[in-house]
Amino acid sequence: MIASYHEAFMAYLTEQTATKEPASLYAPTQYILQLGGKRIRPLLALMAADAVQGSFEEALPAALAVEIFHNFSLVHDDIMDEAPLRRGKPTVHEKWDVNTAILSGDVMLVNAYQCLNVYPPELFSALTPLFSLTAQQVCEGQQYDMDFPLQESVSQEAYLHMIKFKTAVLLGCSLQMGAMVGGLSKEESQAFYDFGIQLGLAFQLQDDYLDAFGDPETFGKQVGGDIIENKKTLLYLLALENGTQEEKTVLSTLFSSSSSNQEEKVERVKAIFKSTKADEKIQALIKDYTDQALKTVEDFSIPSEKKAVFTAFAKELMERKL
């Protein structure tokens, strides 16, 4: 079922993002959209529509809207982070230049909204406020993420709020828009949104954990990348909260500068994460959010047999070791 969603979505994406002029504006948008990725967000939109309506084709425009918006945010995030690679390939601003990346990202944001123009006025007027609020929250989440390194301390609540806005709300939006295209009202589809929020939080915390403790052979990114970049993820915050005074001092020192021996820095920080049980605590949180997501599935206004699809998807997603 997921494979059929993916195949249909990729065909629709290719058809809708055909070459336009000027090529210097649209070639970068095609490039980033074809780089791959898990396509979780559009798949969730199609899953929700299919579960409600028994077909997913009408949700393809909404699915494309969230995927284009997601990739727009990646283009601009990569500029802000000065990232050289995205999914193992040069980022847009590296392959072209910063000005091109900014403008191509801008037109992607416009294109994301244009995807929703195909829907009748009543549905369009229901979808756009949800999509607009989500877009605003994603930008706010990115700003929080940029602000954290400049702050002396960051609370766990603030960190969870940041990843909710930066990551989880777009999953929630994808699911709710799919359910609304399928025929549910905004109120009736709220459980789909809530499922996406819980799953998104679990997914991002899992990503934080795997960044430090993932298998280097399968992770797909540099293990310890967050540590090298001095990112104050929840692992760091938990270790700082539960560590001894000596561990806190070492951790703060290591995260306040760039180390010439990155491998040693990563290993020292990971040792503190383990000694303070930050690794165990974050895994417990991941399980809690996953369990909450699975519980929310019971509130979906769909037949029981269709609920199993979402339960299986969530479990498979959270069992990843990559």
Foldseek 3Di string as FASTA:
>chain_A
DLVVQVVVLVVVLCVVLDQDPPNLQSVLLVVLLPLDDPLLLLSLLQLLLCQQAVGRVLSSLLSLLLSLLVSLVVLVVCVVVVPQDDLRHGRSCNVPNNVSSNNSSVVSNVVSLVSLVVDPPVLNVQLVVLVVVLSVLLVVLVVLQVCVVVDPDDDPVSQLSSQLSNWQQSSLSSNLSSNVSSPDHSVLSNLSSLLSSLLSSLLVLLLVLCLLVFDPVPNSDHRCPCLQQLRCHQLNVLLCVQDDPVLVVVSVVSSVDHDPPSVVSSVSSVVSSVVSVSSVVSVVSSVVSLVVSLVSLVSRPGDPVSSVVVNVVSVVSSVDRD
